[in-house]
């Protein structure tokens, strides 16, 4: 089985976010980048298939040379090979087009992508990859088993979970729950040294139109002052909830 895990290069959630050029560009100065958390769950699940079933595992990213340390981390965790599509990730559709070409050219049986990335939270790419490659698709995936060409997946739905059976080729949008957080892997020294010897291929981009663009970014407004009301003054609490907060 050939597995492709899509890796997004995203800011660490502890990084302080700023914008430049009249709030039209993201300022990367001083920002630490990591593997997108949803993708990390998928990578860990793919490692299980590699170790238990002998699957061949490749990771892929759409981006410039600055994303290669993130791919190298995935190699150090245990991926066999990495591909970087050499173009800027502009919007969900163009990224999906690039990844779909990699999937088609590589003949992958299983594509694991994060449900969404934590930077733009578009949530579009996995479904579009499936549509562009004519593969089956399961989103919000929190469980996955593969037996031959048959896959059994568990996905979150409103109010519960759903178990579905489908066939390969398959694209999933994975998320927290695909593996336990305690199972996430940290590269060790041996893995880091071996990663230097593993292939990282730089692929030319496919032709793709940019269908959307970011016009401006805006930080959330600062939280307002908190009003404290005595537990004995219920009339004042009701007045504030009704006239100011307008929730009752």
C-alpha atoms as a PDB file:
ATOM      1  CA  UNK A   1       0.000   0.000   0.000  1.00  0.00           C
ATOM      2  CA  UNK A   2       1.271   3.442  -0.943  1.00  0.00           C
ATOM      3  CA  UNK A   3       0.315   6.224   1.450  1.00  0.00           C
ATOM      4  CA  UNK A   4       0.637   9.969   0.888  1.00  0.00           C
ATOM      5  CA  UNK A   5       0.344  12.261   3.907  1.00  0.00           C
ATOM      6  CA  UNK A   6      -0.263  15.946   3.165  1.00  0.00           C
ATOM      7  CA  UNK A   7       1.685  18.212   5.508  1.00  0.00           C
ATOM      8  CA  UNK A   8       0.875  21.873   6.108  1.00  0.00           C
ATOM      9  CA  UNK A   9       3.604  24.205   7.384  1.00  0.00           C
ATOM     10  CA  UNK A  10       1.768  26.344   9.948  1.00  0.00           C
ATOM     11  CA  UNK A  11       2.628  28.808  12.753  1.00  0.00           C
ATOM     12  CA  UNK A  12       2.953  27.380  16.233  1.00  0.00           C
ATOM     13  CA  UNK A  13      -0.142  28.336  18.225  1.00  0.00           C
ATOM     14  CA  UNK A  14       2.092  30.003  20.840  1.00  0.00           C
ATOM     15  CA  UNK A  15       3.555  32.418  18.271  1.00  0.00           C
ATOM     16  CA  UNK A  16       2.544  36.066  18.341  1.00  0.00           C
ATOM     17  CA  UNK A  17       0.803  36.903  15.070  1.00  0.00           C
ATOM     18  CA  UNK A  18       1.249  40.228  13.271  1.00  0.00           C
ATOM     19  CA  UNK A  19       0.496  41.609   9.827  1.00  0.00           C
ATOM     20  CA  UNK A  20       2.339  44.021   7.529  1.00  0.00           C
ATOM     21  CA  UNK A  21       1.650  46.175   4.456  1.00  0.00           C
ATOM     22  CA  UNK A  22      -1.566  47.653   5.842  1.00  0.00           C
ATOM     23  CA  UNK A  23      -2.671  44.283   7.265  1.00  0.00           C
ATOM     24  CA  UNK A  24      -2.584  42.554   3.862  1.00  0.00           C
ATOM     25  CA  UNK A  25       0.418  40.258   4.495  1.00  0.00           C
ATOM     26  CA  UNK A  26       1.230  37.821   7.269  1.00  0.00           C
ATOM     27  CA  UNK A  27       4.440  38.758   9.100  1.00  0.00           C
ATOM     28  CA  UNK A  28       6.595  35.638   9.490  1.00  0.00           C
ATOM     29  CA  UNK A  29       9.371  37.361  11.461  1.00  0.00           C
ATOM     30  CA  UNK A  30       9.960  35.586  14.760  1.00  0.00           C
ATOM     31  CA  UNK A  31       7.285  32.960  14.061  1.00  0.00           C
ATOM     32  CA  UNK A  32       8.016  29.301  14.790  1.00  0.00           C
ATOM     33  CA  UNK A  33       6.492  26.906  12.236  1.00  0.00           C
ATOM     34  CA  UNK A  34       5.364  23.333  12.925  1.00  0.00           C
ATOM     35  CA  UNK A  35       3.514  20.422  11.321  1.00  0.00           C
ATOM     36  CA  UNK A  36      -0.198  21.201  11.247  1.00  0.00           C
ATOM     37  CA  UNK A  37      -1.681  19.338  14.262  1.00  0.00           C
ATOM     38  CA  UNK A  38      -4.405  17.598  12.229  1.00  0.00           C
ATOM     39  CA  UNK A  39      -1.713  16.404   9.798  1.00  0.00           C
ATOM     40  CA  UNK A  40       0.408  15.140  12.695  1.00  0.00           C
ATOM     41  CA  UNK A  41      -2.399  12.833  13.799  1.00  0.00           C
ATOM     42  CA  UNK A  42      -2.603  11.550  10.217  1.00  0.00           C
ATOM     43  CA  UNK A  43       1.160  11.051   9.979  1.00  0.00           C
ATOM     44  CA  UNK A  44       1.163   9.018  13.173  1.00  0.00           C
ATOM     45  CA  UNK A  45      -1.660   6.797  11.880  1.00  0.00           C
ATOM     46  CA  UNK A  46       0.221   6.323   8.603  1.00  0.00           C
ATOM     47  CA  UNK A  47       3.291   5.249  10.583  1.00  0.00           C
ATOM     48  CA  UNK A  48       1.163   2.488  12.117  1.00  0.00           C
ATOM     49  CA  UNK A  49       0.280   1.205   8.627  1.00  0.00           C
ATOM     50  CA  UNK A  50       3.946   1.353   7.666  1.00  0.00           C
ATOM     51  CA  UNK A  51       5.105  -0.622  10.701  1.00  0.00           C
ATOM     52  CA  UNK A  52       2.234  -3.139  10.868  1.00  0.00           C
ATOM     53  CA  UNK A  53       1.431  -3.640   7.192  1.00  0.00           C
ATOM     54  CA  UNK A  54       4.616  -2.655   5.363  1.00  0.00           C
ATOM     55  CA  UNK A  55       3.103   0.400   3.678  1.00  0.00           C
ATOM     56  CA  UNK A  56       5.354   2.877   1.890  1.00  0.00           C
ATOM     57  CA  UNK A  57       4.886   6.363   3.329  1.00  0.00           C
ATOM     58  CA  UNK A  58       5.519   9.643   1.512  1.00  0.00           C
ATOM     59  CA  UNK A  59       4.822  13.141   2.840  1.00  0.00           C
ATOM     60  CA  UNK A  60       4.075  16.124   0.626  1.00  0.00           C
ATOM     61  CA  UNK A  61       3.875  19.871   1.066  1.00  0.00           C
ATOM     62  CA  UNK A  62       3.061  22.773  -1.242  1.00  0.00           C
ATOM     63  CA  UNK A  63       5.414  25.655  -0.515  1.00  0.00           C
ATOM     64  CA  UNK A  64       8.820  27.248  -0.860  1.00  0.00           C
ATOM     65  CA  UNK A  65      12.184  26.127   0.556  1.00  0.00           C
ATOM     66  CA  UNK A  66      11.219  27.524   3.961  1.00  0.00           C
ATOM     67  CA  UNK A  67       8.872  24.557   4.457  1.00  0.00           C
ATOM     68  CA  UNK A  68      11.601  21.918   4.111  1.00  0.00           C
ATOM     69  CA  UNK A  69      12.461  21.782   7.862  1.00  0.00           C
ATOM     70  CA  UNK A  70       8.858  20.724   8.480  1.00  0.00           C
ATOM     71  CA  UNK A  71       9.167  17.979   5.856  1.00  0.00           C
ATOM     72  CA  UNK A  72      12.481  16.897   7.358  1.00  0.00           C
ATOM     73  CA  UNK A  73      10.768  16.558  10.739  1.00  0.00           C
ATOM     74  CA  UNK A  74       8.196  14.255   9.129  1.00  0.00           C
ATOM     75  CA  UNK A  75      11.053  12.211   7.651  1.00  0.00           C
ATOM     76  CA  UNK A  76      12.696  12.046  11.067  1.00  0.00           C
ATOM     77  CA  UNK A  77       9.435  10.761  12.542  1.00  0.00           C
ATOM     78  CA  UNK A  78       9.581   7.903  10.056  1.00  0.00           C
ATOM     79  CA  UNK A  79       8.274   8.797   6.581  1.00  0.00           C
ATOM     80  CA  UNK A  80      10.184   7.107   3.751  1.00  0.00           C
ATOM     81  CA  UNK A  81      10.284  10.052   1.333  1.00  0.00           C
ATOM     82  CA  UNK A  82       9.141  13.637   0.954  1.00  0.00           C
ATOM     83  CA  UNK A  83       7.924  15.806  -1.913  1.00  0.00           C
ATOM     84  CA  UNK A  84       7.838  19.591  -1.958  1.00  0.00           C
ATOM     85  CA  UNK A  85       5.787  21.159  -4.733  1.00  0.00           C
ATOM     86  CA  UNK A  86       7.759  24.286  -5.476  1.00  0.00           C
ATOM     87  CA  UNK A  87       5.097  26.992  -5.454  1.00  0.00           C
ATOM     88  CA  UNK A  88       3.489  29.313  -2.955  1.00  0.00           C
ATOM     89  CA  UNK A  89       0.343  27.945  -1.330  1.00  0.00           C
ATOM     90  CA  UNK A  90      -2.113  30.663  -2.310  1.00  0.00           C
ATOM     91  CA  UNK A  91      -5.612  29.241  -1.805  1.00  0.00           C
ATOM     92  CA  UNK A  92      -7.340  25.930  -1.185  1.00  0.00           C
ATOM     93  CA  UNK A  93      -8.181  25.187  -4.807  1.00  0.00           C
ATOM     94  CA  UNK A  94      -4.672  25.761  -6.148  1.00  0.00           C
ATOM     95  CA  UNK A  95      -3.169  23.670  -3.328  1.00  0.00           C
ATOM     96  CA  UNK A  96      -5.635  20.850  -4.050  1.00  0.00           C
ATOM     97  CA  UNK A  97      -4.706  20.966  -7.755  1.00  0.00           C
ATOM     98  CA  UNK A  98      -1.015  20.612  -6.916  1.00  0.00           C
ATOM     99  CA  UNK A  99      -1.634  17.744  -4.504  1.00  0.00           C
ATOM    100  CA  UNK A 100      -4.003  15.996  -6.901  1.00  0.00           C
ATOM    101  CA  UNK A 101      -1.239  15.885  -9.521  1.00  0.00           C
ATOM    102  CA  UNK A 102       1.144  14.329  -6.986  1.00  0.00           C
ATOM    103  CA  UNK A 103      -1.516  11.738  -6.090  1.00  0.00           C
ATOM    104  CA  UNK A 104      -2.178  10.877  -9.732  1.00  0.00           C
ATOM    105  CA  UNK A 105       1.487  10.723 -10.733  1.00  0.00           C
ATOM    106  CA  UNK A 106       2.390   8.591  -7.705  1.00  0.00           C
ATOM    107  CA  UNK A 107      -0.527   6.178  -7.853  1.00  0.00           C
ATOM    108  CA  UNK A 108      -1.226   6.387  -4.117  1.00  0.00           C
ATOM    109  CA  UNK A 109      -3.804   4.099  -2.536  1.00  0.00           C
ATOM    110  CA  UNK A 110      -4.461   6.170   0.584  1.00  0.00           C
ATOM    111  CA  UNK A 111      -4.166   9.933   0.986  1.00  0.00           C
ATOM    112  CA  UNK A 112      -4.267  11.279   4.536  1.00  0.00           C
ATOM    113  CA  UNK A 113      -4.768  15.018   4.938  1.00  0.00           C
ATOM    114  CA  UNK A 114      -5.757  17.079   7.943  1.00  0.00           C
ATOM    115  CA  UNK A 115      -9.410  18.104   8.080  1.00  0.00           C
ATOM    116  CA  UNK A 116      -8.167  21.702   8.033  1.00  0.00           C
ATOM    117  CA  UNK A 117      -5.009  23.675   8.714  1.00  0.00           C
ATOM    118  CA  UNK A 118      -4.852  25.836  11.822  1.00  0.00           C
ATOM    119  CA  UNK A 119      -3.689  28.960   9.967  1.00  0.00           C
ATOM    120  CA  UNK A 120      -6.520  29.662   7.493  1.00  0.00           C
ATOM    121  CA  UNK A 121      -8.972  26.926   8.589  1.00  0.00           C
ATOM    122  CA  UNK A 122     -10.333  26.566   5.069  1.00  0.00           C
ATOM    123  CA  UNK A 123     -11.238  22.880   5.385  1.00  0.00           C
ATOM    124  CA  UNK A 124     -11.481  22.536   1.585  1.00  0.00           C
ATOM    125  CA  UNK A 125      -8.381  20.708   0.415  1.00  0.00           C
ATOM    126  CA  UNK A 126      -9.050  17.017   1.294  1.00  0.00           C
ATOM    127  CA  UNK A 127     -12.475  16.971  -0.365  1.00  0.00           C
ATOM    128  CA  UNK A 128     -11.181  18.697  -3.480  1.00  0.00           C
ATOM    129  CA  UNK A 129      -8.283  16.237  -3.770  1.00  0.00           C
ATOM    130  CA  UNK A 130     -10.814  13.391  -3.707  1.00  0.00           C
ATOM    131  CA  UNK A 131     -12.955  15.112  -6.324  1.00  0.00           C
ATOM    132  CA  UNK A 132     -10.012  15.825  -8.617  1.00  0.00           C
ATOM    133  CA  UNK A 133      -8.645  12.266  -8.390  1.00  0.00           C
ATOM    134  CA  UNK A 134     -11.987  10.437  -8.405  1.00  0.00           C
ATOM    135  CA  UNK A 135     -11.230   8.806  -5.030  1.00  0.00           C
ATOM    136  CA  UNK A 136     -13.568   7.994  -2.149  1.00  0.00           C
ATOM    137  CA  UNK A 137     -13.613  10.534   0.675  1.00  0.00           C
ATOM    138  CA  UNK A 138     -14.239  10.482   4.425  1.00  0.00           C
ATOM    139  CA  UNK A 139     -14.002  13.745   6.374  1.00  0.00           C
ATOM    140  CA  UNK A 140     -13.754  14.391  10.135  1.00  0.00           C
ATOM    141  CA  UNK A 141     -12.070  11.001  10.389  1.00  0.00           C
ATOM    142  CA  UNK A 142     -11.209   9.770  13.906  1.00  0.00           C
ATOM    143  CA  UNK A 143     -10.549   6.103  13.155  1.00  0.00           C
ATOM    144  CA  UNK A 144      -9.144   4.170  10.205  1.00  0.00           C
ATOM    145  CA  UNK A 145      -8.357   0.520   9.459  1.00  0.00           C
ATOM    146  CA  UNK A 146      -7.338  -0.944   6.089  1.00  0.00           C
ATOM    147  CA  UNK A 147      -7.633  -4.600   5.112  1.00  0.00           C
ATOM    148  CA  UNK A 148      -6.467  -5.225   1.566  1.00  0.00           C
ATOM    149  CA  UNK A 149      -8.405  -2.786  -0.613  1.00  0.00           C
ATOM    150  CA  UNK A 150     -11.177  -2.241   1.953  1.00  0.00           C
ATOM    151  CA  UNK A 151     -11.081   0.579   4.485  1.00  0.00           C
ATOM    152  CA  UNK A 152     -13.215   1.024   7.580  1.00  0.00           C
ATOM    153  CA  UNK A 153     -13.360   4.580   8.892  1.00  0.00           C
ATOM    154  CA  UNK A 154     -15.000   6.273  11.846  1.00  0.00           C
ATOM    155  CA  UNK A 155     -16.007   9.894  11.499  1.00  0.00           C
ATOM    156  CA  UNK A 156     -17.552  12.446  13.785  1.00  0.00           C
ATOM    157  CA  UNK A 157     -21.090  13.543  12.999  1.00  0.00           C
ATOM    158  CA  UNK A 158     -23.497  15.828  14.840  1.00  0.00           C
ATOM    159  CA  UNK A 159     -24.340  14.134  18.093  1.00  0.00           C
ATOM    160  CA  UNK A 160     -22.167  11.060  17.651  1.00  0.00           C
ATOM    161  CA  UNK A 161     -19.972   8.921  15.436  1.00  0.00           C
ATOM    162  CA  UNK A 162     -20.513   7.026  12.201  1.00  0.00           C
ATOM    163  CA  UNK A 163     -18.637   3.940  10.988  1.00  0.00           C
ATOM    164  CA  UNK A 164     -18.364   3.582   7.212  1.00  0.00           C
ATOM    165  CA  UNK A 165     -16.833   0.984   4.902  1.00  0.00           C
ATOM    166  CA  UNK A 166     -15.327   1.960   1.568  1.00  0.00           C
ATOM    167  CA  UNK A 167     -12.657   0.908  -0.887  1.00  0.00           C
ATOM    168  CA  UNK A 168      -9.290   2.265  -1.931  1.00  0.00           C
ATOM    169  CA  UNK A 169      -8.252   4.651  -3.365  1.00  0.00           C
ATOM    170  CA  UNK A 170      -9.366   6.796  -0.449  1.00  0.00           C
ATOM    171  CA  UNK A 171      -8.778  10.343   0.790  1.00  0.00           C
ATOM    172  CA  UNK A 172      -9.480  11.166   4.430  1.00  0.00           C
ATOM    173  CA  UNK A 173      -9.664  14.443   6.298  1.00  0.00           C
ATOM    174  CA  UNK A 174      -8.172  13.424   9.645  1.00  0.00           C
ATOM    175  CA  UNK A 175      -8.343  15.152  12.992  1.00  0.00           C
ATOM    176  CA  UNK A 176      -7.719  14.724  16.707  1.00  0.00           C
ATOM    177  CA  UNK A 177      -8.839  11.239  17.669  1.00  0.00           C
ATOM    178  CA  UNK A 178      -7.324   9.470  14.664  1.00  0.00           C
ATOM    179  CA  UNK A 179      -4.665   8.441  17.183  1.00  0.00           C
ATOM    180  CA  UNK A 180      -4.316   9.221  20.873  1.00  0.00           C
ATOM    181  CA  UNK A 181      -2.315  12.331  21.666  1.00  0.00           C
ATOM    182  CA  UNK A 182       0.011  10.158  23.755  1.00  0.00           C
ATOM    183  CA  UNK A 183       0.915   8.254  20.571  1.00  0.00           C
ATOM    184  CA  UNK A 184       2.213  11.324  18.709  1.00  0.00           C
ATOM    185  CA  UNK A 185       5.895  10.922  17.950  1.00  0.00           C
ATOM    186  CA  UNK A 186       8.852  13.167  18.611  1.00  0.00           C
ATOM    187  CA  UNK A 187      11.890  12.700  16.345  1.00  0.00           C
ATOM    188  CA  UNK A 188      14.826  11.052  18.114  1.00  0.00           C
ATOM    189  CA  UNK A 189      18.483  11.485  17.241  1.00  0.00           C
ATOM    190  CA  UNK A 190      18.589   8.329  15.118  1.00  0.00           C
ATOM    191  CA  UNK A 191      15.539   9.476  13.160  1.00  0.00           C
ATOM    192  CA  UNK A 192      17.023  12.928  12.619  1.00  0.00           C
ATOM    193  CA  UNK A 193      20.262  11.443  11.285  1.00  0.00           C
ATOM    194  CA  UNK A 194      18.414   9.012   9.005  1.00  0.00           C
ATOM    195  CA  UNK A 195      16.197  11.830   7.679  1.00  0.00           C
ATOM    196  CA  UNK A 196      19.257  13.442   6.111  1.00  0.00           C
ATOM    197  CA  UNK A 197      19.693  10.408   3.873  1.00  0.00           C
ATOM    198  CA  UNK A 198      16.050  10.114   2.780  1.00  0.00           C
ATOM    199  CA  UNK A 199      14.933  11.608  -0.550  1.00  0.00           C
ATOM    200  CA  UNK A 200      13.265  15.017  -0.567  1.00  0.00           C
ATOM    201  CA  UNK A 201      12.093  15.659  -4.112  1.00  0.00           C
ATOM    202  CA  UNK A 202      11.326  19.181  -5.338  1.00  0.00           C
ATOM    203  CA  UNK A 203       8.534  18.914  -7.912  1.00  0.00           C
ATOM    204  CA  UNK A 204       7.539  21.518 -10.479  1.00  0.00           C
ATOM    205  CA  UNK A 205       4.036  22.903  -9.916  1.00  0.00           C
ATOM    206  CA  UNK A 206       1.070  22.083 -12.101  1.00  0.00           C
ATOM    207  CA  UNK A 207      -0.902  24.830 -13.791  1.00  0.00           C
ATOM    208  CA  UNK A 208      -3.600  26.013 -11.385  1.00  0.00           C
ATOM    209  CA  UNK A 209      -5.781  29.090 -11.147  1.00  0.00           C
ATOM    210  CA  UNK A 210      -6.032  31.015  -7.913  1.00  0.00           C
ATOM    211  CA  UNK A 211      -9.765  31.250  -7.323  1.00  0.00           C
ATOM    212  CA  UNK A 212      -9.673  33.264  -4.064  1.00  0.00           C
ATOM    213  CA  UNK A 213      -7.295  35.725  -2.428  1.00  0.00           C
ATOM    214  CA  UNK A 214      -6.921  37.286   0.996  1.00  0.00           C
ATOM    215  CA  UNK A 215      -7.764  40.990   0.907  1.00  0.00           C
ATOM    216  CA  UNK A 216      -7.039  41.974   4.494  1.00  0.00           C
ATOM    217  CA  UNK A 217      -6.377  40.455   7.906  1.00  0.00           C
ATOM    218  CA  UNK A 218      -7.767  41.699  11.194  1.00  0.00           C
ATOM    219  CA  UNK A 219      -7.056  40.603  14.734  1.00  0.00           C
ATOM    220  CA  UNK A 220      -9.979  39.971  17.103  1.00  0.00           C
ATOM    221  CA  UNK A 221     -11.080  43.045  19.022  1.00  0.00           C
ATOM    222  CA  UNK A 222      -9.725  43.262  22.583  1.00  0.00           C
ATOM    223  CA  UNK A 223     -12.029  41.892  25.206  1.00  0.00           C
ATOM    224  CA  UNK A 224     -14.080  44.521  26.985  1.00  0.00           C
ATOM    225  CA  UNK A 225     -14.015  45.227  30.694  1.00  0.00           C
ATOM    226  CA  UNK A 226     -15.733  42.749  32.962  1.00  0.00           C
ATOM    227  CA  UNK A 227     -18.631  43.939  35.083  1.00  0.00           C
ATOM    228  CA  UNK A 228     -19.002  42.238  38.443  1.00  0.00           C
ATOM    229  CA  UNK A 229     -22.452  41.995  39.963  1.00  0.00           C
ATOM    230  CA  UNK A 230     -23.110  41.070  43.556  1.00  0.00           C
ATOM    231  CA  UNK A 231     -24.799  37.708  43.991  1.00  0.00           C
ATOM    232  CA  UNK A 232     -27.474  39.517  45.982  1.00  0.00           C
ATOM    233  CA  UNK A 233     -28.278  41.997  43.214  1.00  0.00           C
ATOM    234  CA  UNK A 234     -30.219  39.810  40.763  1.00  0.00           C
ATOM    235  CA  UNK A 235     -32.215  42.752  39.419  1.00  0.00           C
ATOM    236  CA  UNK A 236     -29.031  44.456  38.227  1.00  0.00           C
ATOM    237  CA  UNK A 237     -27.805  41.200  36.636  1.00  0.00           C
ATOM    238  CA  UNK A 238     -31.082  40.760  34.764  1.00  0.00           C
ATOM    239  CA  UNK A 239     -30.962  44.397  33.626  1.00  0.00           C
ATOM    240  CA  UNK A 240     -27.432  44.014  32.228  1.00  0.00           C
ATOM    241  CA  UNK A 241     -28.233  40.754  30.471  1.00  0.00           C
ATOM    242  CA  UNK A 242     -31.362  42.226  28.944  1.00  0.00           C
ATOM    243  CA  UNK A 243     -30.301  45.773  28.031  1.00  0.00           C
ATOM    244  CA  UNK A 244     -26.533  45.507  27.431  1.00  0.00           C
ATOM    245  CA  UNK A 245     -25.723  41.921  26.551  1.00  0.00           C
ATOM    246  CA  UNK A 246     -29.166  41.461  24.950  1.00  0.00           C
ATOM    247  CA  UNK A 247     -29.159  37.730  25.622  1.00  0.00           C
ATOM    248  CA  UNK A 248     -32.504  37.609  27.414  1.00  0.00           C
END
